Protein backbone atom coordinates (compact mmCIF):
# COMPACT_ATOMS: atom_id res chain seq x y z
CA MET A 1 -295.97 -29.24 -47.37
CA ALA A 2 -298.54 -26.25 -47.55
CA ASP A 3 -300.43 -27.94 -44.89
CA LYS A 4 -297.63 -27.59 -42.21
CA PHE A 5 -297.03 -24.54 -40.32
CA ILE A 6 -294.48 -22.94 -37.94
CA LEU A 7 -296.33 -20.20 -35.86
CA GLY A 8 -299.01 -19.60 -38.48
CA PHE A 9 -296.32 -19.45 -41.43
CA PRO A 10 -296.13 -22.26 -43.96
CA ILE A 11 -293.26 -24.41 -43.11
CA SER A 12 -291.51 -23.81 -46.49
CA GLU A 13 -291.02 -20.14 -45.52
CA LYS A 14 -289.26 -21.04 -42.10
CA THR A 15 -287.59 -24.24 -41.45
CA ALA A 16 -286.29 -24.00 -37.80
CA SER A 17 -286.89 -27.44 -36.45
CA SER A 18 -287.00 -26.16 -32.79
CA GLU A 19 -290.03 -24.23 -33.63
CA LEU A 20 -293.73 -25.20 -32.89
CA VAL A 21 -294.93 -26.92 -35.89
CA GLN A 22 -298.55 -27.63 -36.69
CA ASP A 23 -299.46 -30.36 -38.96
CA GLY A 24 -303.21 -30.59 -39.38
CA SER A 25 -304.57 -31.28 -35.90
CA ASN A 26 -300.96 -32.52 -34.75
CA ILE A 27 -298.44 -30.20 -33.12
CA GLY A 28 -294.55 -30.88 -33.11
CA ILE A 29 -291.95 -29.35 -30.82
CA GLY A 30 -288.49 -30.02 -31.94
CA THR A 31 -289.79 -31.64 -35.06
CA ASP A 32 -291.46 -30.55 -38.40
CA ASP A 33 -293.11 -33.96 -38.65
CA PRO A 34 -295.06 -34.96 -35.83
CA ILE A 35 -296.28 -38.72 -35.55
CA SER A 36 -299.53 -39.22 -36.70
CA GLY A 37 -302.16 -39.95 -33.96
CA PHE A 38 -300.50 -37.89 -31.15
CA LYS A 39 -301.72 -34.24 -30.80
CA LEU A 40 -298.64 -33.29 -29.05
CA ASP A 41 -295.03 -34.62 -30.29
CA VAL A 42 -292.01 -33.34 -28.35
CA VAL A 43 -288.64 -34.41 -29.43
CA GLY A 44 -285.35 -33.65 -27.93
CA GLY A 45 -286.44 -32.58 -24.49
CA PHE A 46 -289.09 -32.82 -22.03
CA LEU A 47 -292.38 -30.78 -21.40
CA ARG A 48 -292.76 -28.52 -18.54
CA VAL A 49 -295.77 -26.64 -16.92
CA ALA A 50 -294.87 -23.86 -14.40
CA ASN A 51 -295.73 -20.58 -13.48
CA ASP A 52 -292.26 -19.20 -14.48
CA ALA A 53 -288.86 -20.36 -15.41
CA ALA A 54 -287.49 -20.40 -11.99
CA THR A 55 -290.20 -22.01 -9.74
CA THR A 56 -291.59 -25.39 -9.39
CA GLY A 57 -293.18 -27.11 -12.27
CA LEU A 58 -294.58 -30.34 -13.46
CA GLU A 59 -292.14 -32.06 -15.85
CA LEU A 60 -292.53 -34.96 -18.27
CA GLY A 61 -289.96 -36.48 -20.66
CA TYR A 62 -287.17 -38.78 -20.93
CA SER A 63 -283.83 -38.86 -19.15
CA ALA A 64 -280.68 -37.50 -20.83
CA GLY A 65 -279.81 -41.03 -22.44
CA GLY A 66 -283.33 -41.51 -23.57
CA SER A 67 -283.95 -44.98 -21.54
CA THR A 68 -286.23 -43.69 -18.83
CA ALA A 69 -289.42 -41.84 -18.96
CA PHE A 70 -290.37 -39.72 -16.17
CA ILE A 71 -293.12 -37.31 -14.63
CA GLN A 72 -292.09 -35.19 -11.73
CA GLY A 73 -292.43 -32.12 -9.73
CA TYR A 74 -289.25 -30.22 -9.78
CA ASN A 75 -287.97 -26.81 -8.66
CA ARG A 76 -285.37 -25.49 -11.17
CA THR A 77 -284.16 -22.91 -8.66
CA THR A 78 -283.39 -25.17 -5.67
CA ASN A 79 -282.87 -28.34 -7.73
CA VAL A 80 -285.28 -30.27 -5.49
CA PHE A 81 -288.13 -32.56 -5.93
CA THR A 82 -291.62 -31.38 -5.10
CA ASP A 83 -294.72 -32.96 -3.92
CA MET A 84 -297.55 -33.77 -6.61
CA ILE A 85 -301.19 -34.49 -6.34
CA ILE A 86 -302.94 -36.58 -8.64
CA ASN A 87 -306.90 -36.18 -8.84
CA ASN A 88 -307.11 -34.64 -5.54
CA SER A 89 -306.68 -38.13 -3.99
CA VAL A 90 -303.19 -39.58 -4.53
CA THR A 91 -300.27 -37.53 -3.07
CA VAL A 92 -296.87 -38.26 -4.13
CA LYS A 93 -294.28 -36.68 -1.71
CA ALA A 94 -290.81 -35.50 -2.85
CA ASN A 95 -289.16 -38.05 -0.77
CA GLY A 96 -291.05 -40.95 -2.57
CA ASN A 97 -293.89 -41.46 -0.28
CA VAL A 98 -297.30 -42.02 -1.74
CA GLY A 99 -300.53 -41.52 0.02
CA ILE A 100 -303.66 -42.73 -1.34
CA GLY A 101 -306.56 -41.04 0.16
CA THR A 102 -304.45 -39.28 2.60
CA ASP A 103 -301.61 -36.69 2.66
CA THR A 104 -300.65 -37.30 5.99
CA PHE A 105 -297.52 -39.27 6.77
CA ALA A 106 -295.85 -40.71 9.81
CA SER A 107 -292.39 -39.45 9.07
CA THR A 108 -291.10 -37.88 6.02
CA SER A 109 -287.90 -40.12 6.09
CA ASN A 110 -290.02 -43.35 6.10
CA LEU A 111 -291.41 -45.01 2.79
CA GLN A 112 -295.23 -45.02 2.95
CA LEU A 113 -295.99 -47.12 -0.34
CA LYS A 114 -293.28 -48.23 -2.52
CA MET A 115 -293.82 -50.50 -5.69
CA GLY A 116 -291.50 -52.35 -7.74
CA ASN A 117 -288.02 -51.88 -5.74
CA ILE A 118 -286.58 -55.09 -7.13
CA ALA A 119 -283.17 -54.27 -5.71
CA GLN A 120 -284.41 -54.41 -2.14
CA GLY A 121 -286.36 -57.59 -2.78
CA ALA A 122 -289.76 -56.20 -2.47
CA VAL A 123 -292.62 -55.83 -5.04
CA GLY A 124 -294.47 -53.61 -2.85
CA GLU A 125 -294.30 -52.11 0.64
CA ILE A 126 -297.23 -50.17 2.67
CA PHE A 127 -296.76 -48.35 5.56
CA ASP A 128 -299.35 -47.15 7.99
CA ALA A 129 -299.55 -43.50 7.89
CA ASP A 130 -301.90 -42.95 11.07
CA ASP A 131 -299.28 -44.46 13.64
CA ASN A 132 -297.05 -41.53 14.33
CA ALA A 133 -294.69 -43.26 16.84
CA ASP A 134 -294.59 -46.84 15.51
CA SER A 135 -295.22 -47.19 11.87
CA SER A 136 -296.38 -50.67 10.47
CA ARG A 137 -295.91 -52.04 7.10
CA LEU A 138 -296.78 -54.74 4.62
CA ILE A 139 -294.14 -56.05 2.25
CA ILE A 140 -295.42 -58.16 -0.65
CA GLY A 141 -292.89 -60.23 -2.79
CA GLY A 142 -289.54 -61.14 -1.42
CA GLY A 143 -286.52 -62.23 -3.23
CA GLY A 144 -286.60 -65.88 -2.10
CA GLY A 145 -283.74 -67.64 -0.60
CA GLY A 146 -285.05 -67.12 3.00
CA SER A 147 -286.44 -63.75 2.32
CA PRO A 148 -290.12 -63.47 2.96
CA GLN A 149 -292.59 -63.25 0.17
CA PHE A 150 -295.21 -61.71 2.16
CA SER A 151 -294.45 -59.72 5.35
CA MET A 152 -296.40 -57.67 7.77
CA ARG A 153 -294.18 -55.87 10.31
CA HIS A 154 -294.38 -53.35 13.25
CA TYR A 155 -291.53 -51.32 11.89
CA SER A 156 -289.83 -49.36 14.71
CA ALA A 157 -289.73 -52.50 16.86
CA GLY A 158 -289.03 -55.05 14.17
CA TYR A 159 -291.90 -57.26 15.05
CA GLY A 160 -294.18 -58.94 12.71
CA VAL A 161 -294.95 -62.18 10.61
CA ASP A 162 -293.35 -63.22 7.57
CA ILE A 163 -294.55 -65.97 5.10
CA TRP A 164 -292.14 -67.29 2.61
CA ILE A 165 -291.58 -70.50 0.41
CA SER A 166 -288.40 -72.35 0.27
CA THR A 167 -286.35 -72.18 -2.88
CA THR A 168 -285.61 -75.88 -3.04
CA ASP A 169 -287.76 -79.06 -2.85
CA PRO A 170 -289.82 -79.94 -1.06
CA TRP A 171 -290.88 -76.18 -1.32
CA ASN A 172 -292.21 -75.74 2.21
CA THR A 173 -294.17 -72.85 3.25
CA HIS A 174 -292.97 -71.15 6.22
CA ILE A 175 -294.85 -68.82 8.58
CA ASP A 176 -292.63 -66.99 10.94
CA ASN A 177 -293.12 -64.52 13.81
CA ARG A 178 -290.04 -62.08 13.91
CA ASN A 179 -289.99 -61.99 17.66
CA ALA A 180 -288.92 -64.80 19.51
CA ASN A 181 -291.20 -64.28 22.46
CA SER A 182 -294.24 -63.54 20.42
CA GLY A 183 -297.01 -66.15 19.39
CA PHE A 184 -300.08 -66.38 17.12
CA ILE A 185 -303.66 -65.66 17.86
CA PHE A 186 -306.49 -66.77 15.62
CA ARG A 187 -309.91 -65.10 15.89
CA ASN A 188 -313.25 -64.52 13.92
CA ASN A 189 -316.28 -62.21 14.39
CA CYS A 190 -313.63 -59.22 14.80
CA ASN A 191 -315.89 -56.09 15.22
CA THR A 192 -315.11 -52.81 16.73
CA ASP A 193 -317.37 -53.43 19.80
CA GLY A 194 -314.58 -55.97 21.06
CA SER A 195 -316.89 -58.78 20.45
CA GLU A 196 -314.44 -61.13 18.67
CA ASN A 197 -313.99 -64.65 19.52
CA GLU A 198 -310.54 -66.20 20.09
CA LEU A 199 -310.35 -69.74 18.33
CA MET A 200 -306.72 -70.73 18.84
CA ARG A 201 -303.42 -69.24 20.29
CA ILE A 202 -299.90 -70.31 20.06
CA ASP A 203 -297.44 -68.57 22.36
CA GLY A 204 -293.80 -68.18 21.96
CA SER A 205 -292.84 -71.26 23.76
CA GLY A 206 -295.04 -73.39 21.21
CA ASN A 207 -297.62 -74.03 23.56
CA ALA A 208 -301.13 -74.28 21.56
CA THR A 209 -304.48 -73.36 23.13
CA PHE A 210 -307.99 -74.22 21.36
CA GLU A 211 -311.03 -72.71 22.38
CA GLY A 212 -313.03 -75.38 20.44
CA ASN A 213 -313.03 -79.17 19.81
CA VAL A 214 -310.25 -80.72 17.84
CA GLY A 215 -310.42 -83.33 15.23
CA ILE A 216 -307.32 -85.23 13.84
CA GLY A 217 -308.03 -87.23 10.89
CA THR A 218 -311.97 -86.29 11.13
CA THR A 219 -314.40 -83.79 11.88
CA PRO A 220 -314.33 -83.00 15.66
CA SER A 221 -317.39 -84.59 17.55
CA ALA A 222 -318.76 -83.73 20.92
CA ALA A 223 -314.99 -84.88 22.44
CA ILE A 224 -312.79 -82.03 23.07
CA LEU A 225 -310.02 -84.10 21.10
CA HIS A 226 -311.18 -86.72 18.54
CA VAL A 227 -308.33 -88.66 16.91
CA TYR A 228 -309.29 -90.88 14.11
CA LYS A 229 -307.32 -93.46 12.13
CA SER A 230 -309.21 -96.11 9.80
CA SER A 231 -307.05 -99.23 9.57
CA SER A 232 -307.95 -102.90 9.57
CA SER A 233 -304.57 -103.81 11.06
CA PRO A 234 -303.35 -102.73 14.52
CA THR A 235 -302.56 -99.22 14.23
CA ILE A 236 -300.68 -96.79 16.84
CA VAL A 237 -303.12 -93.97 17.24
CA ALA A 238 -301.39 -91.84 19.69
CA ARG A 239 -297.89 -91.99 21.03
CA PHE A 240 -296.51 -90.22 24.30
CA GLU A 241 -292.88 -90.23 24.31
CA ASN A 242 -290.10 -88.54 26.22
CA PRO A 243 -286.68 -89.67 24.78
CA SER A 244 -284.70 -88.04 27.83
CA GLY A 245 -286.94 -89.07 30.76
CA GLN A 246 -290.29 -90.13 31.95
CA SER A 247 -293.35 -89.89 29.90
CA LEU A 248 -296.64 -88.92 31.60
CA VAL A 249 -300.23 -88.71 30.70
CA GLU A 250 -302.25 -86.70 33.33
CA ILE A 251 -305.98 -86.89 33.69
CA LYS A 252 -306.82 -84.23 36.19
CA SER A 253 -310.41 -83.28 37.69
CA VAL A 254 -311.76 -81.42 40.39
CA ASN A 255 -311.92 -82.43 44.12
CA ASN A 256 -314.40 -85.07 45.14
CA ASN A 257 -314.99 -86.09 41.46
CA LEU A 258 -313.69 -89.01 39.10
CA GLY A 259 -310.89 -89.04 36.60
CA VAL A 260 -311.93 -91.52 34.09
CA LEU A 261 -310.01 -93.41 31.10
CA GLN A 262 -313.09 -95.05 29.47
CA PHE A 263 -312.97 -97.73 26.63
CA GLY A 264 -315.84 -98.13 24.06
CA ASP A 265 -316.56 -99.77 20.78
CA GLY A 266 -318.87 -99.15 17.91
CA GLU A 267 -321.81 -100.49 19.70
CA ASP A 268 -321.17 -99.21 23.14
CA GLY A 269 -319.14 -96.17 24.40
CA ASN A 270 -318.86 -97.25 27.91
CA VAL A 271 -317.67 -100.88 27.93
CA GLY A 272 -314.88 -100.60 30.23
CA ALA A 273 -313.10 -98.06 32.51
CA VAL A 274 -310.36 -97.16 34.80
CA GLN A 275 -311.52 -94.63 37.23
CA TYR A 276 -309.72 -92.60 40.03
CA ASP A 277 -312.12 -91.50 42.73
CA HIS A 278 -310.87 -88.29 44.26
CA ALA A 279 -313.39 -88.46 47.20
CA GLY A 280 -312.05 -91.58 48.35
CA ASN A 281 -308.64 -91.82 46.81
CA SER A 282 -309.42 -95.13 45.34
CA MET A 283 -308.64 -96.66 41.89
CA ARG A 284 -311.44 -98.45 40.34
CA PHE A 285 -311.67 -101.03 37.31
CA LYS A 286 -314.74 -101.85 35.36
CA THR A 287 -315.87 -104.04 32.63
CA ALA A 288 -319.17 -104.13 31.01
CA ASP A 289 -320.04 -100.92 32.92
CA THR A 290 -319.59 -102.84 36.32
CA GLU A 291 -316.88 -102.40 38.79
CA ARG A 292 -314.75 -105.48 39.12
CA MET A 293 -311.62 -104.62 41.04
CA ARG A 294 -310.73 -101.54 43.41
CA ILE A 295 -307.59 -100.47 44.93
CA THR A 296 -308.20 -98.49 48.25
CA SER A 297 -306.36 -95.43 49.47
CA ALA A 298 -304.60 -97.90 51.99
CA GLY A 299 -303.25 -100.09 49.09
CA LYS A 300 -305.98 -102.84 49.70
CA VAL A 301 -306.78 -104.79 46.62
CA ILE A 302 -310.47 -105.90 46.19
CA ILE A 303 -311.61 -108.30 43.22
CA GLY A 304 -315.33 -108.92 42.90
CA ASN A 305 -316.77 -105.90 44.76
CA SER A 306 -316.20 -102.59 46.03
CA SER A 307 -315.59 -103.26 49.67
CA ILE A 308 -313.29 -105.66 51.59
CA SER A 309 -315.65 -106.24 54.17
CA ASN A 310 -318.23 -107.95 51.65
CA THR A 311 -318.08 -111.85 51.72
CA GLY A 312 -317.41 -114.11 48.71
CA LYS A 313 -314.58 -111.83 47.78
CA PHE A 314 -310.87 -111.54 47.30
CA GLY A 315 -308.50 -109.04 48.43
CA TYR A 316 -304.72 -108.12 49.22
CA THR A 317 -303.98 -106.17 52.37
CA PRO A 318 -300.27 -104.75 52.34
CA GLY A 319 -298.11 -103.88 55.14
CA VAL A 320 -296.27 -105.67 58.03
CA GLY A 321 -297.95 -107.45 61.03
CA SER A 322 -300.94 -109.58 61.70
CA TYR A 323 -303.06 -110.08 58.84
CA LYS A 324 -300.79 -107.68 56.83
CA GLY A 325 -298.92 -108.43 53.40
CA VAL A 326 -301.24 -111.27 52.92
CA MET A 327 -303.94 -112.35 50.30
CA GLU A 328 -307.43 -112.32 51.76
CA MET A 329 -310.35 -114.70 50.82
CA PHE A 330 -313.89 -114.20 51.96
CA HIS A 331 -316.73 -116.64 52.39
CA SER A 332 -320.31 -115.70 53.52
CA THR A 333 -321.70 -117.34 56.72
CA THR A 334 -324.18 -119.28 54.76
CA ASN A 335 -321.58 -121.07 52.63
CA LEU A 336 -321.26 -124.81 53.75
CA PRO A 337 -318.17 -126.42 54.99
CA GLY A 338 -315.78 -127.44 52.32
CA SER A 339 -316.65 -124.75 50.04
CA GLY A 340 -313.38 -123.67 48.29
CA PHE A 341 -311.17 -120.45 48.60
CA VAL A 342 -308.61 -121.77 45.92
CA ASN A 343 -308.96 -124.39 43.30
CA PHE A 344 -306.04 -125.50 41.37
CA PHE A 345 -306.46 -126.89 37.86
CA ARG A 346 -304.65 -129.05 35.19
CA ASP A 347 -306.25 -128.24 32.04
CA SER A 348 -309.90 -128.65 33.00
CA SER A 349 -309.42 -131.16 35.95
CA VAL A 350 -309.26 -130.14 39.55
CA ILE A 351 -305.88 -131.28 41.10
CA GLY A 352 -306.02 -129.51 44.38
CA SER A 353 -307.83 -126.91 46.47
CA ILE A 354 -307.78 -124.82 49.59
CA GLY A 355 -311.42 -124.97 51.25
CA GLN A 356 -313.39 -124.03 54.19
CA SER A 357 -313.43 -126.59 57.07
CA GLY A 358 -316.29 -126.05 59.27
CA THR A 359 -316.59 -122.19 60.30
CA THR A 360 -313.14 -121.76 61.88
CA GLN A 361 -310.51 -123.67 59.81
CA VAL A 362 -309.39 -124.37 56.39
CA SER A 363 -308.06 -127.73 54.51
CA TYR A 364 -305.60 -128.14 52.08
CA ASN A 365 -306.64 -130.85 49.78
CA ILE A 366 -304.94 -132.90 46.96
CA SER A 367 -306.63 -135.28 44.61
CA SER A 368 -307.31 -138.79 46.09
CA ASP A 369 -310.40 -140.03 44.20
CA TYR A 370 -310.31 -143.87 43.74
CA ARG A 371 -311.38 -143.09 40.09
CA LEU A 372 -307.99 -141.76 39.35
CA LYS A 373 -305.82 -144.70 40.60
CA GLU A 374 -304.79 -148.22 39.92
CA ASP A 375 -302.25 -151.03 40.51
CA LEU A 376 -302.80 -150.72 44.18
CA LYS A 377 -300.03 -152.38 46.27
CA ASP A 378 -298.89 -152.97 49.84
CA PHE A 379 -295.33 -151.42 51.05
CA ALA A 380 -293.29 -151.56 54.13
CA GLY A 381 -293.97 -148.09 55.59
CA LEU A 382 -291.79 -148.54 58.96
CA ASP A 383 -288.71 -149.53 56.87
CA MET A 384 -289.00 -146.42 54.75
CA VAL A 385 -289.63 -144.07 57.57
CA SER A 386 -286.66 -145.87 59.37
CA LYS A 387 -284.42 -144.60 56.29
CA ILE A 388 -285.36 -140.92 56.72
CA PRO A 389 -282.78 -139.00 58.73
CA VAL A 390 -284.53 -136.30 60.92
CA TYR A 391 -282.68 -133.38 62.63
CA ASP A 392 -282.75 -130.73 65.25
CA PHE A 393 -281.28 -127.79 63.09
CA LYS A 394 -280.78 -124.18 62.86
CA TRP A 395 -281.67 -122.05 60.02
CA LYS A 396 -278.85 -120.05 58.62
CA THR A 397 -280.99 -116.85 57.78
CA ASP A 398 -282.22 -115.98 61.31
CA GLU A 399 -280.56 -118.73 63.54
CA SER A 400 -284.09 -120.03 64.49
CA ARG A 401 -284.25 -123.75 65.36
CA SER A 402 -286.80 -126.36 63.91
CA TYR A 403 -287.19 -130.18 63.24
CA GLY A 404 -286.88 -131.56 59.79
CA VAL A 405 -285.24 -133.44 57.10
CA MET A 406 -282.47 -132.79 54.45
CA ALA A 407 -284.21 -132.59 51.17
CA HIS A 408 -281.57 -134.56 49.15
CA GLU A 409 -281.72 -137.28 51.85
CA LEU A 410 -285.32 -137.48 51.63
CA GLN A 411 -285.09 -137.67 47.73
CA GLU A 412 -283.39 -140.92 48.16
CA VAL A 413 -286.10 -142.57 50.22
CA LEU A 414 -289.31 -140.84 48.94
CA PRO A 415 -288.39 -138.65 45.81
CA GLN A 416 -291.90 -137.65 44.92
CA ALA A 417 -291.80 -135.55 48.25
CA VAL A 418 -289.02 -133.48 47.01
CA THR A 419 -288.73 -130.54 44.29
CA GLY A 420 -285.41 -129.82 42.79
CA GLU A 421 -281.80 -131.43 42.60
CA LYS A 422 -279.23 -131.27 44.98
CA ASP A 423 -276.58 -128.21 44.46
CA ALA A 424 -278.46 -126.79 41.67
CA GLU A 425 -278.94 -123.14 41.29
CA GLU A 426 -282.48 -123.17 42.90
CA THR A 427 -282.70 -124.67 46.38
CA GLN A 428 -284.71 -127.77 47.01
CA GLN A 429 -288.17 -127.85 48.65
CA VAL A 430 -289.95 -130.60 50.55
CA ASP A 431 -293.71 -131.47 50.66
CA TYR A 432 -293.99 -132.99 54.09
CA SER A 433 -297.58 -133.93 53.53
CA LYS A 434 -296.29 -136.65 51.16
CA ILE A 435 -294.54 -138.43 54.26
CA VAL A 436 -298.05 -138.67 56.07
CA PRO A 437 -298.81 -141.85 54.37
CA LEU A 438 -295.67 -143.55 55.51
CA LEU A 439 -296.30 -142.63 59.09
CA VAL A 440 -299.83 -143.80 58.85
CA LYS A 441 -298.48 -147.29 57.45
CA SER A 442 -295.84 -147.28 60.03
CA ILE A 443 -298.52 -146.96 62.82
CA GLN A 444 -300.44 -149.66 61.42
CA GLU A 445 -297.36 -152.07 61.14
CA LEU A 446 -296.14 -151.12 64.63
CA LYS A 447 -299.74 -151.67 66.06
CA ALA A 448 -299.90 -155.11 64.31
CA GLU A 449 -296.63 -156.03 65.99
CA ILE A 450 -298.03 -154.81 69.46
CA GLU A 451 -300.94 -157.05 69.00
CA LEU A 452 -298.83 -160.03 68.03
CA LEU A 453 -296.77 -159.44 71.11
CA LYS A 454 -299.74 -159.33 73.18
CA ALA A 455 -300.86 -162.63 71.97
CA ARG A 456 -297.95 -164.50 72.89
């Protein structure tokens, strides 16, 4: 023990444990056996550095229970904590605020930097020390269960962004704007000269604005919106749905220009289109990049060309009155008489037509070629015609008068001239042209009788 000393005396001559003990290069306070490796070993209290006993000092030690170590600036006269400065760059204020690189704070009542406050659900909070009126803060590490794990807030107004992860499967990540009326703005090239570029904006109502092209399922091409889905089977690429009312898709362009819905494939990007011409207020339909049909502003439908006045075309003119509400078919002045307006087919065979007759009339034609007929027989036309009742009658719909037959009565004599059945749900119809052969035959028979009478 001769190498241990108390205030310069060998420890064997004075044993008070509260004295300062030197053991070689180690010094013990409150112990006569300082732990090897520590230059200063203080037991049973804490270390204090101050000008005098009553004023502020720097204190280092353990709490009374020995469970918590501390270092603090404290005034023993007023019993209040005081500010501390570390390395002339870190300031620890008496209220717990910490400034790194600054000792100026927005308010002594607001926390500027807090680390490890688990009770508050925050691993760290950083406040803006320069905004005196409206301090801002960054919170890192929330407690889960809906608490943000990362939060940037405008403190006084309660605005900001929270980022947090759900505590249950599927562990979704949420990005929330704390103010219901605020949105998100995404920018790049943010410089102090104000030359930043806005890339995307989402307002408080969920409306999104993109400054560049957007690709869904692919890198965007020259198109503003490029939606891509690779599938060998039919696939719905886009759907527009309004479960509560009408669903509208609007294509809007400037005045005197075209609004176009264009169709393409891997070989040609313009094989078909639906166009609206704002200059003439007409709708156009194109195939193989050629206009095939047009609906004019007056509602006329033109098929085969762009103008209803062109010959060799087909159109429809709506309305009421002469030449209104009718289909229109045009021939050129050079077309020969007999040229067809409408042809009727059964499979690939023509069975009837409506054609040009001369230059001023049309003809209504049905098949009558000898090559289509066999088993030719004579018949008594006058007898058949005599069995057909003919009436002067009034129509129930408009009380107009006309001459004609009753369909079911004609059906008993000439069934091929009548369509439908008596008293069926659909009313019967008559093709009067089928009676013409009977009339011709009757005239022939009458002529023969007249000639016979003349010869007597």
